[in-house]
Amino acid sequence: MGTNYENAANDFLELASEQRLNIIFKLLEKKSKISAMAKELHATVQEVHRNFERLADAGLIVKDKDGYYDLTTYGKTMCTQVPSLLFLSKNRKYFENHDFGDIPMKFIQRIGALAAGQQVKGFVKVLEQWKSIYKNADEFIYQLFTEVPLDLIEPLLSRVKKGVKLNYIFSESVIVPKGRKELLNKLGMKELIDKGLVELRWEKGLPRLDAKGPRRAWTDQLRRTDDRSSARFHSPSVARPRGGRSGRDVHRARGQRRARA
């Protein structure tokens, strides 16, 4: 056991440098020579060479016959673990007073997906972010709610009526007020379900909304892939006061839109 911790400690030591972290993530994008990397990082060739050597000795990068450095399989895999640490480090203050509540561990293990996101604070701003995601969605929207926000029903269903597929997950204990049921019927929810444009599911164990703290959310930056970009939205359910959580509701939506020039 001691040896395992010792090896991990040595790896953490090799990554305990802003420049070395920069290097491995730059190499994740493309191979590079030391001189080119030094120019890109605005650092001296000697300094970058020293850090390349350390990363190579640690088995994270390797040099090919043409003098280019690339990540090893070990290095690429290590890059998949770092985002979680980046996210937690960036939001350390938040987690001093919040926890994840009943969020399943499989989602907590993927918290690094939010590392490049930005935090959205305030109930109104969170709703506006959701509306923006709906507006930009042209293929599908995935959501997870413990309530049915009245302000979001009409803009959401207006996109669904244009062919955007909606996947909705509710808590088994969700409460849908009579007025909202009537509005859903009026907007043709049943017909949309019958057409297969809306899929509703109920799950156990989703956190309940808690009014002890401010509503917060993280939105991933738009990530362009070929001619499309996808937007993801996370509204933490931490509740105790979807960012750090606990008796709050977790909202999660994914909308895909075509990338604009």
Protein backbone atom coordinates (compact mmCIF):
# COMPACT_ATOMS: atom_id res chain seq x y z
CA MET A 1 0.00 0.00 0.00
CA GLY A 2 2.83 2.34 0.90
CA THR A 3 4.45 1.78 -2.49
CA ASN A 4 1.21 2.68 -4.29
CA TYR A 5 0.97 5.96 -2.42
CA GLU A 6 4.63 6.65 -3.04
CA ASN A 7 4.24 6.16 -6.80
CA ALA A 8 1.15 8.37 -6.86
CA ALA A 9 2.97 11.02 -4.81
CA ASN A 10 5.81 11.03 -7.34
CA ASP A 11 3.35 11.47 -10.20
CA PHE A 12 1.63 14.34 -8.40
CA LEU A 13 5.05 15.94 -7.94
CA GLU A 14 5.73 15.81 -11.67
CA LEU A 15 2.39 17.47 -12.35
CA ALA A 16 2.82 20.07 -9.59
CA SER A 17 3.86 22.76 -12.04
CA GLU A 18 1.72 25.15 -14.04
CA GLN A 19 4.06 24.91 -16.99
CA ARG A 20 4.21 21.11 -16.99
CA LEU A 21 0.42 20.93 -16.85
CA ASN A 22 0.30 23.40 -19.73
CA ILE A 23 2.72 21.25 -21.68
CA ILE A 24 0.82 17.98 -21.36
CA PHE A 25 -2.48 19.58 -22.31
CA LYS A 26 -0.86 21.33 -25.30
CA LEU A 27 0.57 17.97 -26.35
CA LEU A 28 -2.89 16.45 -25.96
CA GLU A 29 -3.93 18.70 -28.85
CA LYS A 30 -0.88 18.10 -31.08
CA LYS A 31 2.74 16.97 -31.07
CA SER A 32 5.38 19.64 -30.58
CA LYS A 33 9.07 20.33 -30.49
CA ILE A 34 10.64 22.04 -27.50
CA SER A 35 11.37 25.31 -29.34
CA ALA A 36 7.81 25.59 -30.63
CA MET A 37 6.37 24.86 -27.19
CA ALA A 38 8.63 27.47 -25.60
CA LYS A 39 7.37 30.05 -28.07
CA GLU A 40 3.75 29.10 -27.45
CA LEU A 41 4.17 29.30 -23.67
CA HIS A 42 6.28 32.50 -23.83
CA ALA A 43 9.02 30.74 -21.88
CA THR A 44 12.72 30.11 -22.41
CA VAL A 45 13.84 27.06 -24.36
CA GLN A 46 16.01 25.98 -21.41
CA GLU A 47 13.10 26.07 -18.98
CA VAL A 48 10.77 24.15 -21.30
CA HIS A 49 13.53 21.63 -22.11
CA ARG A 50 13.96 20.94 -18.40
CA ASN A 51 10.25 20.31 -17.94
CA PHE A 52 10.09 18.12 -21.05
CA GLU A 53 12.87 16.01 -19.58
CA ARG A 54 11.01 15.62 -16.29
CA LEU A 55 7.80 14.60 -18.02
CA ALA A 56 9.69 12.15 -20.23
CA ASP A 57 11.44 10.60 -17.21
CA ALA A 58 8.01 10.23 -15.56
CA GLY A 59 6.74 8.30 -18.60
CA LEU A 60 4.17 10.94 -19.51
CA ILE A 61 5.65 12.04 -22.84
CA VAL A 62 7.95 10.51 -25.45
CA LYS A 63 10.14 11.88 -28.23
CA ASP A 64 9.88 10.52 -31.76
CA LYS A 65 12.64 10.18 -34.37
CA ASP A 66 11.82 13.60 -35.84
CA GLY A 67 12.31 15.41 -32.55
CA TYR A 68 8.59 15.86 -31.81
CA TYR A 69 7.20 15.08 -28.37
CA ASP A 70 3.85 13.41 -27.83
CA LEU A 71 1.93 12.01 -24.89
CA THR A 72 2.27 8.35 -24.02
CA THR A 73 -0.84 6.31 -23.34
CA TYR A 74 -0.11 6.88 -19.66
CA GLY A 75 0.15 10.63 -20.25
CA LYS A 76 -3.11 10.77 -22.21
CA THR A 77 -4.89 8.83 -19.50
CA MET A 78 -3.48 11.12 -16.83
CA CYS A 79 -4.96 14.08 -18.72
CA THR A 80 -8.43 12.59 -18.28
CA GLN A 81 -8.00 12.69 -14.49
CA VAL A 82 -6.68 16.22 -14.09
CA PRO A 83 -9.92 18.11 -15.00
CA SER A 84 -11.65 16.86 -11.83
CA LEU A 85 -8.85 18.34 -9.73
CA LEU A 86 -9.03 21.58 -11.71
CA PHE A 87 -12.76 21.86 -11.13
CA LEU A 88 -12.52 21.15 -7.40
CA SER A 89 -9.59 23.53 -6.99
CA LYS A 90 -11.35 26.34 -8.83
CA ASN A 91 -14.47 25.92 -6.69
CA ARG A 92 -12.78 25.08 -3.37
CA LYS A 93 -14.55 27.87 -1.47
CA TYR A 94 -17.92 26.64 -2.67
CA PHE A 95 -17.29 23.12 -1.42
CA GLU A 96 -16.32 24.38 2.01
CA ASN A 97 -20.04 24.94 2.63
CA HIS A 98 -21.70 22.53 0.20
CA ASP A 99 -21.71 18.84 -0.55
CA PHE A 100 -23.00 16.62 -3.33
CA GLY A 101 -26.03 15.33 -1.46
CA ASP A 102 -27.42 12.16 -3.02
CA ILE A 103 -25.84 12.62 -6.43
CA PRO A 104 -24.73 9.14 -7.63
CA MET A 105 -20.98 8.56 -7.46
CA LYS A 106 -20.81 7.87 -11.20
CA PHE A 107 -21.72 11.52 -11.82
CA ILE A 108 -19.32 12.85 -9.18
CA GLN A 109 -16.53 10.91 -10.89
CA ARG A 110 -17.31 12.83 -14.07
CA ILE A 111 -17.25 16.25 -12.38
CA GLY A 112 -14.17 17.13 -14.42
CA ALA A 113 -16.47 17.64 -17.42
CA LEU A 114 -17.36 20.98 -15.81
CA ALA A 115 -13.75 22.16 -15.43
CA ALA A 116 -13.95 24.55 -18.39
CA GLY A 117 -17.39 25.81 -17.42
CA GLN A 118 -18.45 29.00 -15.75
CA GLN A 119 -20.59 29.37 -12.67
CA VAL A 120 -24.00 31.01 -13.02
CA LYS A 121 -25.43 32.44 -9.82
CA GLY A 122 -28.97 33.53 -9.13
CA PHE A 123 -32.35 31.98 -9.88
CA VAL A 124 -33.21 34.38 -12.71
CA LYS A 125 -29.81 34.02 -14.39
CA VAL A 126 -30.07 30.22 -14.22
CA LEU A 127 -33.49 30.33 -15.90
CA GLU A 128 -32.12 32.64 -18.60
CA GLN A 129 -29.27 30.19 -19.20
CA TRP A 130 -31.75 27.35 -19.65
CA LYS A 131 -33.76 29.44 -22.11
CA SER A 132 -30.58 30.19 -24.07
CA ILE A 133 -29.82 26.47 -24.26
CA TYR A 134 -33.34 25.73 -25.50
CA LYS A 135 -33.04 28.44 -28.14
CA ASN A 136 -29.79 27.01 -29.50
CA ALA A 137 -30.82 23.36 -29.44
CA ASP A 138 -31.58 21.86 -32.83
CA GLU A 139 -31.27 18.13 -32.15
CA PHE A 140 -31.98 17.20 -28.54
CA ILE A 141 -32.30 18.45 -24.96
CA TYR A 142 -31.64 16.26 -21.93
CA GLN A 143 -32.92 17.46 -18.57
CA LEU A 144 -33.06 16.25 -15.00
CA PHE A 145 -35.50 18.02 -12.67
CA THR A 146 -37.06 17.60 -9.26
CA GLU A 147 -39.66 20.24 -10.09
CA VAL A 148 -41.43 21.59 -13.16
CA PRO A 149 -40.34 25.25 -13.51
CA LEU A 150 -43.30 27.18 -14.89
CA ASP A 151 -41.15 29.78 -16.65
CA LEU A 152 -39.37 27.12 -18.69
CA ILE A 153 -42.32 25.13 -20.02
CA GLU A 154 -43.34 27.30 -22.96
CA PRO A 155 -39.82 28.07 -24.35
CA LEU A 156 -38.93 24.40 -23.96
CA LEU A 157 -41.95 22.98 -25.74
CA SER A 158 -41.68 25.59 -28.49
CA ARG A 159 -38.36 23.96 -29.48
CA VAL A 160 -39.78 20.46 -29.20
CA LYS A 161 -42.56 21.41 -31.61
CA LYS A 162 -39.86 22.30 -34.12
CA GLY A 163 -38.46 18.77 -33.98
CA VAL A 164 -35.97 18.96 -31.09
CA LYS A 165 -36.19 15.73 -29.08
CA LEU A 166 -36.65 16.12 -25.32
CA ASN A 167 -35.57 13.59 -22.70
CA TYR A 168 -36.91 14.48 -19.26
CA ILE A 169 -36.01 12.77 -15.97
CA PHE A 170 -38.04 13.58 -12.85
CA SER A 171 -37.77 12.56 -9.23
CA GLU A 172 -40.41 9.99 -8.25
CA SER A 173 -41.49 12.48 -5.59
CA VAL A 174 -41.89 15.36 -8.04
CA ILE A 175 -44.92 17.57 -7.45
CA VAL A 176 -46.63 18.98 -10.53
CA PRO A 177 -49.15 21.67 -9.49
CA LYS A 178 -52.57 21.49 -11.09
CA GLY A 179 -52.00 24.74 -12.98
CA ARG A 180 -48.92 23.36 -14.64
CA LYS A 181 -50.67 20.17 -15.62
CA GLU A 182 -53.32 22.25 -17.33
CA LEU A 183 -50.66 24.31 -19.11
CA LEU A 184 -48.87 21.16 -20.30
CA ASN A 185 -52.15 19.79 -21.67
CA LYS A 186 -52.87 23.12 -23.36
CA LEU A 187 -49.44 23.15 -25.00
CA GLY A 188 -49.98 19.64 -26.36
CA MET A 189 -47.55 17.66 -24.21
CA LYS A 190 -49.49 14.41 -24.67
CA GLU A 191 -49.37 14.72 -28.45
CA LEU A 192 -45.62 15.37 -28.35
CA ILE A 193 -45.11 12.26 -26.23
CA ASP A 194 -47.22 10.22 -28.65
CA LYS A 195 -45.04 11.45 -31.54
CA GLY A 196 -41.91 10.31 -29.71
CA LEU A 197 -40.50 13.83 -29.39
CA VAL A 198 -40.74 13.77 -25.59
CA GLU A 199 -39.57 10.95 -23.32
CA LEU A 200 -40.39 11.16 -19.62
CA ARG A 201 -38.84 9.01 -16.90
CA TRP A 202 -39.10 8.95 -13.14
CA GLU A 203 -36.13 8.05 -10.94
CA LYS A 204 -35.62 7.49 -7.23
CA GLY A 205 -33.16 9.37 -5.08
CA LEU A 206 -32.98 12.73 -6.83
CA PRO A 207 -32.22 15.60 -4.38
CA ARG A 208 -35.09 17.86 -3.34
CA LEU A 209 -35.01 21.62 -3.81
CA ASP A 210 -33.71 23.37 -0.70
CA ALA A 211 -34.09 27.11 -0.18
CA LYS A 212 -31.12 27.45 2.18
CA GLY A 213 -28.70 28.69 -0.40
CA PRO A 214 -28.41 30.43 -3.77
CA ARG A 215 -29.15 28.53 -6.93
CA ARG A 216 -25.98 28.01 -8.89
CA ALA A 217 -25.05 26.46 -12.15
CA TRP A 218 -22.12 25.67 -14.31
CA THR A 219 -22.26 25.77 -18.05
CA ASP A 220 -19.66 24.09 -20.15
CA GLN A 221 -18.10 26.25 -22.78
CA LEU A 222 -19.33 25.53 -26.29
CA ARG A 223 -17.17 22.83 -27.74
CA ARG A 224 -16.96 22.76 -31.50
CA THR A 225 -16.85 19.43 -33.25
CA ASP A 226 -16.69 19.52 -37.03
CA ASP A 227 -19.56 21.79 -38.06
CA ARG A 228 -21.41 21.55 -34.76
CA SER A 229 -21.08 22.65 -31.19
CA SER A 230 -22.79 21.35 -28.08
CA ALA A 231 -23.79 23.24 -24.99
CA ARG A 232 -24.20 21.59 -21.63
CA PHE A 233 -25.78 23.06 -18.60
CA HIS A 234 -25.53 22.00 -15.01
CA SER A 235 -27.50 23.62 -12.20
CA PRO A 236 -26.09 22.25 -8.97
CA SER A 237 -28.08 20.71 -6.43
CA VAL A 238 -26.29 21.31 -3.39
CA ALA A 239 -28.27 21.71 -0.81
CA ARG A 240 -27.48 22.41 1.55
CA PRO A 241 -27.54 25.49 0.21
CA ARG A 242 -25.74 21.54 -9.27
CA GLY A 243 -22.52 22.65 -8.29
CA GLY A 244 -21.83 21.45 -4.87
CA ARG A 245 -25.01 20.11 -3.50
CA SER A 246 -27.34 18.61 -1.26
CA GLY A 247 -30.96 19.23 -0.77
CA ARG A 248 -31.14 21.14 -3.97
CA ASP A 249 -32.35 20.10 -7.27
CA VAL A 250 -29.98 19.10 -9.96
CA HIS A 251 -30.73 20.34 -13.39
CA ARG A 252 -28.92 19.00 -16.31
CA ALA A 253 -29.50 19.82 -19.90
CA ARG A 254 -27.70 19.21 -23.05
CA GLY A 255 -28.53 20.98 -26.25
CA GLN A 256 -26.79 20.60 -29.54
CA ARG A 257 -26.64 23.34 -32.11
CA ARG A 258 -24.96 23.88 -35.40
CA ALA A 259 -21.80 25.96 -35.07
CA ARG A 260 -22.11 29.45 -36.35
CA ALA A 261 -19.29 31.14 -38.15
